[in-house]
Amino acid sequence: MPSSALDAIWFDKLTSSEIGALDRERTILVLPTGCTEQQGPHLPIDADTFLVALFLGEAARRARAEGIVAYVLPALPYGPAEEHMAFAGTVSLSFETHHRLVKEVLHSLARHGFRKLLVAMGCGGHHCLPAAMEARAELRSSGIDAKVWAIGPGTAYYEIAKQVFDWEPADIHAGEFPTSIFLQKRADEVRRERLAPGRPFDAAAVPDAWFADEVDPQGFAGDPRRSSAEFGARLLEAVVAFWLGELRRIHETPS
């Protein structure tokens, strides 16, 4: 296999024959799930897709230095986003369609012999564990015992934000957290003239099944005016460390 393939971290940059030469038992394949949805008036609608690919790509790169081989598939750019459909540009899949899409990608990878598969969820509205469970059950019934993980940020990002910022951000969407990372990585795409405070997210004030326009008329929470590239660098470092820890855990799990 050429050195360029050995150095690669992106699955789609490999040729079919290079993929065929990978160690099926030890190689970790990562499917990031993103969104195409409104991100307030100040961030582009690809934010979730960009961020999850950024995080997992950098985590995979660092893992390689530790002898952990992980390849990142192209991030799925669409997911369930009905809570944002009040805002132009949002593209929403049904949970059923998203479930089937994730499951069939996992099926394809496992049928080619790969035994460690990670679904890395890049949006709080994604619930991929049922797809992972169903995919694994169906594969086992056909004699294929692939290991499947479905991991989202959970409370990890919230704890990271509390450690990085000098305050406790009320950011559940398009607030200080993503805006800071965009200021670090894609600053020219942040509409700075449109930065404004959103309403703090108050779980008691909205139904459990909430819509973004119920949280704030502009569709976001938190205060992106308090974002900075410096915060973005610190957030990125901490989030990548989180995902690197997950890759280590998967690597250490027997195939």
Protein backbone atom coordinates (compact mmCIF):
# COMPACT_ATOMS: atom_id res chain seq x y z
CA MET A 1 0.00 0.00 0.00
CA PRO A 2 1.47 3.43 -0.86
CA SER A 3 2.63 5.61 2.02
CA SER A 4 -0.05 8.17 1.17
CA ALA A 5 -2.71 5.59 1.96
CA LEU A 6 -0.98 4.62 5.20
CA ASP A 7 -0.97 8.26 6.23
CA ALA A 8 -4.57 8.92 5.20
CA ILE A 9 -7.36 9.25 7.74
CA TRP A 10 -10.23 9.79 5.28
CA PHE A 11 -11.84 6.57 4.08
CA ASP A 12 -12.96 8.05 0.78
CA LYS A 13 -9.41 9.01 -0.19
CA LEU A 14 -8.44 5.34 -0.39
CA THR A 15 -8.81 3.14 -3.44
CA SER A 16 -10.86 -0.04 -3.28
CA SER A 17 -7.71 -2.18 -3.33
CA GLU A 18 -6.17 -0.13 -0.51
CA ILE A 19 -9.32 -0.62 1.57
CA GLY A 20 -9.19 -4.31 0.77
CA ALA A 21 -5.68 -4.49 2.24
CA LEU A 22 -6.67 -3.00 5.61
CA ASP A 23 -6.66 -5.12 8.76
CA ARG A 24 -10.36 -5.85 9.15
CA GLU A 25 -10.11 -6.87 12.81
CA ARG A 26 -8.17 -3.85 14.10
CA THR A 27 -9.12 -0.96 11.81
CA ILE A 28 -11.79 1.35 13.25
CA LEU A 29 -14.19 2.84 10.73
CA VAL A 30 -15.96 6.00 11.83
CA LEU A 31 -19.26 7.27 10.42
CA PRO A 32 -19.88 10.88 11.55
CA THR A 33 -23.50 12.02 11.42
CA GLY A 34 -24.09 15.68 10.65
CA CYS A 35 -26.95 18.00 9.78
CA THR A 36 -28.01 20.63 7.33
CA GLU A 37 -29.99 22.94 9.56
CA GLN A 38 -30.29 26.56 10.58
CA GLN A 39 -27.63 27.85 12.95
CA GLY A 40 -29.11 31.20 13.86
CA PRO A 41 -28.45 34.28 11.71
CA HIS A 42 -24.67 34.10 12.09
CA LEU A 43 -23.40 30.58 11.19
CA PRO A 44 -23.68 28.55 7.97
CA ILE A 45 -26.09 25.64 7.89
CA ASP A 46 -23.32 23.03 7.53
CA ALA A 47 -22.01 23.74 11.05
CA ASP A 48 -22.83 20.39 12.65
CA THR A 49 -21.49 18.41 9.69
CA PHE A 50 -18.28 20.45 9.56
CA LEU A 51 -17.68 20.21 13.30
CA VAL A 52 -18.18 16.47 13.69
CA ALA A 53 -15.87 15.80 10.72
CA LEU A 54 -13.29 18.21 12.13
CA PHE A 55 -13.35 16.58 15.57
CA LEU A 56 -13.17 12.99 14.35
CA GLY A 57 -10.62 13.72 11.66
CA GLU A 58 -8.23 15.30 14.13
CA ALA A 59 -8.85 12.56 16.71
CA ALA A 60 -8.10 9.91 14.08
CA ARG A 61 -4.93 11.73 13.08
CA ARG A 62 -3.69 11.80 16.67
CA ALA A 63 -4.73 8.18 17.22
CA ARG A 64 -2.52 7.15 14.30
CA ALA A 65 0.51 8.44 16.22
CA GLU A 66 -0.40 5.95 18.97
CA GLY A 67 -0.69 3.02 16.57
CA ILE A 68 -4.49 3.18 16.47
CA VAL A 69 -5.74 2.92 12.89
CA ALA A 70 -9.03 4.73 12.32
CA TYR A 71 -10.51 5.95 9.05
CA VAL A 72 -13.28 8.54 8.92
CA LEU A 73 -16.04 8.14 6.35
CA PRO A 74 -17.66 11.19 4.73
CA ALA A 75 -20.01 12.74 7.27
CA LEU A 76 -23.70 12.25 6.59
CA PRO A 77 -24.90 15.82 5.89
CA TYR A 78 -28.59 15.20 6.64
CA GLY A 79 -30.41 13.98 9.72
CA PRO A 80 -33.61 14.42 11.70
CA ALA A 81 -33.99 18.20 12.14
CA GLU A 82 -37.72 18.77 12.38
CA GLU A 83 -37.22 21.07 15.37
CA HIS A 84 -35.51 23.55 13.02
CA MET A 85 -37.93 23.44 10.09
CA ALA A 86 -39.39 26.84 10.98
CA PHE A 87 -36.17 28.29 9.54
CA ALA A 88 -35.18 28.35 5.87
CA GLY A 89 -32.40 26.05 4.72
CA THR A 90 -33.06 23.22 7.14
CA VAL A 91 -33.26 19.78 5.54
CA SER A 92 -34.86 17.15 7.74
CA LEU A 93 -34.99 13.38 7.40
CA SER A 94 -37.52 11.28 9.26
CA PHE A 95 -36.14 9.21 12.12
CA GLU A 96 -37.08 6.12 10.12
CA THR A 97 -35.10 7.23 7.05
CA HIS A 98 -32.07 8.25 9.11
CA HIS A 99 -32.22 4.99 11.07
CA ARG A 100 -32.26 2.97 7.86
CA LEU A 101 -29.48 5.02 6.26
CA VAL A 102 -27.14 4.59 9.24
CA LYS A 103 -27.99 0.89 9.51
CA GLU A 104 -27.32 0.19 5.84
CA VAL A 105 -23.96 1.96 5.91
CA LEU A 106 -23.00 -0.22 8.89
CA HIS A 107 -24.19 -3.30 7.02
CA SER A 108 -22.03 -2.45 4.01
CA LEU A 109 -18.88 -1.95 6.09
CA ALA A 110 -19.42 -5.13 8.07
CA ARG A 111 -20.09 -7.18 4.93
CA HIS A 112 -16.64 -6.12 3.72
CA GLY A 113 -15.19 -7.64 6.87
CA PHE A 114 -14.66 -4.65 9.17
CA ARG A 115 -15.33 -5.50 12.81
CA LYS A 116 -15.02 -2.19 14.68
CA LEU A 117 -17.55 0.43 13.60
CA LEU A 118 -18.24 3.76 15.29
CA VAL A 119 -21.20 6.03 14.61
CA ALA A 120 -20.07 9.45 15.90
CA MET A 121 -23.15 11.61 16.41
CA GLY A 122 -22.62 15.28 15.67
CA CYS A 123 -26.05 16.59 16.64
CA GLY A 124 -28.09 16.36 19.82
CA GLY A 125 -31.13 15.41 17.75
CA HIS A 126 -29.54 12.18 16.54
CA HIS A 127 -30.42 8.90 18.21
CA CYS A 128 -28.34 6.28 16.45
CA LEU A 129 -28.11 3.60 19.11
CA PRO A 130 -31.28 1.83 17.87
CA ALA A 131 -29.81 1.68 14.35
CA ALA A 132 -26.53 0.36 15.73
CA MET A 133 -28.34 -2.27 17.83
CA GLU A 134 -30.53 -3.38 14.94
CA ALA A 135 -27.60 -3.49 12.52
CA ARG A 136 -25.57 -5.62 14.92
CA ALA A 137 -28.47 -7.97 15.62
CA GLU A 138 -29.12 -8.49 11.91
CA LEU A 139 -25.43 -9.02 11.22
CA ARG A 140 -25.11 -11.55 14.04
CA SER A 141 -28.09 -13.48 12.74
CA SER A 142 -26.24 -13.79 9.42
CA GLY A 143 -23.04 -14.95 11.11
CA ILE A 144 -21.18 -11.60 11.13
CA ASP A 145 -20.10 -10.47 14.60
CA ALA A 146 -19.11 -6.83 14.12
CA LYS A 147 -18.78 -4.53 17.12
CA VAL A 148 -20.74 -1.28 16.77
CA TRP A 149 -20.57 1.85 18.92
CA ALA A 150 -22.97 4.80 18.70
CA ILE A 151 -21.44 7.67 20.66
CA GLY A 152 -22.65 11.23 21.01
CA PRO A 153 -21.20 14.09 23.03
CA GLY A 154 -23.82 13.63 25.77
CA THR A 155 -22.88 15.82 28.71
CA ALA A 156 -19.19 15.84 27.72
CA TYR A 157 -19.44 18.98 25.60
CA TYR A 158 -21.34 20.75 28.36
CA GLU A 159 -18.63 19.92 30.88
CA ILE A 160 -15.95 21.00 28.41
CA ALA A 161 -17.70 24.32 27.87
CA LYS A 162 -17.91 24.94 31.62
CA GLN A 163 -14.17 24.33 31.92
CA VAL A 164 -13.18 26.52 28.95
CA PHE A 165 -15.45 29.52 29.43
CA ASP A 166 -15.34 31.83 32.43
CA TRP A 167 -19.10 31.41 32.74
CA GLU A 168 -21.66 28.63 32.37
CA PRO A 169 -23.01 29.04 28.83
CA ALA A 170 -26.71 28.49 28.18
CA ASP A 171 -25.82 27.25 24.71
CA ILE A 172 -27.66 24.30 23.20
CA HIS A 173 -27.51 25.48 19.59
CA ALA A 174 -25.37 27.99 17.66
CA GLY A 175 -24.15 29.80 20.76
CA GLU A 176 -20.68 30.36 22.20
CA PHE A 177 -19.43 26.81 21.63
CA PRO A 178 -19.75 26.38 17.84
CA THR A 179 -19.25 30.07 17.12
CA SER A 180 -15.89 30.06 18.91
CA ILE A 181 -14.68 27.08 16.88
CA PHE A 182 -15.84 28.75 13.67
CA LEU A 183 -13.90 31.88 14.67
CA GLN A 184 -10.85 29.65 15.02
CA LYS A 185 -11.30 27.65 11.81
CA ARG A 186 -13.63 29.51 9.44
CA ALA A 187 -13.69 33.06 10.77
CA ASP A 188 -14.58 34.66 7.45
CA GLU A 189 -17.88 32.74 7.41
CA VAL A 190 -19.14 34.06 10.74
CA ARG A 191 -21.61 36.91 10.17
CA ARG A 192 -20.22 39.07 12.94
CA GLU A 193 -22.63 41.92 12.29
CA ARG A 194 -25.47 39.54 13.16
CA LEU A 195 -24.10 38.32 16.47
CA ALA A 196 -26.64 38.91 19.20
CA PRO A 197 -27.65 37.27 22.47
CA GLY A 198 -30.22 34.51 22.27
CA ARG A 199 -32.51 33.46 25.04
CA PRO A 200 -30.88 31.17 27.61
CA PHE A 201 -32.29 27.68 27.20
CA ASP A 202 -34.84 27.05 29.94
CA ALA A 203 -35.93 23.42 29.91
CA ALA A 204 -38.87 24.24 32.19
CA ALA A 205 -40.23 26.81 29.74
CA VAL A 206 -40.55 24.55 26.69
CA PRO A 207 -41.97 21.06 26.14
CA ASP A 208 -39.60 18.08 26.15
CA ALA A 209 -40.31 17.87 22.41
CA TRP A 210 -39.29 21.47 21.71
CA PHE A 211 -38.89 23.44 18.50
CA ALA A 212 -36.10 25.94 17.98
CA ASP A 213 -38.48 28.84 17.40
CA GLU A 214 -39.95 28.14 20.85
CA VAL A 215 -36.50 28.53 22.37
CA ASP A 216 -35.74 31.79 20.56
CA PRO A 217 -37.31 33.63 17.60
CA GLN A 218 -33.93 33.53 15.85
CA GLY A 219 -33.45 29.82 16.50
CA PHE A 220 -30.43 29.73 18.81
CA ALA A 221 -29.49 29.86 22.48
CA GLY A 222 -26.58 31.35 24.38
CA ASP A 223 -24.62 34.48 23.55
CA PRO A 224 -22.33 34.10 20.51
CA ARG A 225 -21.04 37.67 21.06
CA ARG A 226 -18.88 36.17 23.82
CA SER A 227 -17.18 33.79 21.43
CA SER A 228 -13.54 34.07 20.41
CA ALA A 229 -10.93 32.21 18.38
CA GLU A 230 -8.96 31.65 21.59
CA PHE A 231 -11.92 29.92 23.20
CA GLY A 232 -12.35 27.99 19.95
CA ALA A 233 -8.79 26.63 20.10
CA ARG A 234 -9.28 25.47 23.68
CA LEU A 235 -12.66 23.92 22.93
CA LEU A 236 -11.26 22.10 19.90
CA GLU A 237 -8.39 20.67 21.92
CA ALA A 238 -10.73 19.39 24.64
CA VAL A 239 -13.31 17.92 22.25
CA VAL A 240 -10.64 16.15 20.19
CA ALA A 241 -9.24 14.71 23.44
CA PHE A 242 -12.71 13.37 24.24
CA TRP A 243 -12.99 11.60 20.89
CA LEU A 244 -9.41 10.35 21.06
CA GLY A 245 -10.30 8.72 24.37
CA GLU A 246 -13.22 6.98 22.71
CA LEU A 247 -11.01 5.71 19.88
CA ARG A 248 -8.56 4.35 22.45
CA ARG A 249 -11.38 2.53 24.23
CA ILE A 250 -12.62 0.98 21.00
CA HIS A 251 -9.07 0.03 20.00
CA GLU A 252 -8.60 -1.80 23.31
CA THR A 253 -11.86 -3.73 22.92
CA PRO A 254 -11.24 -7.25 21.57
CA SER A 255 -12.63 -7.80 18.06
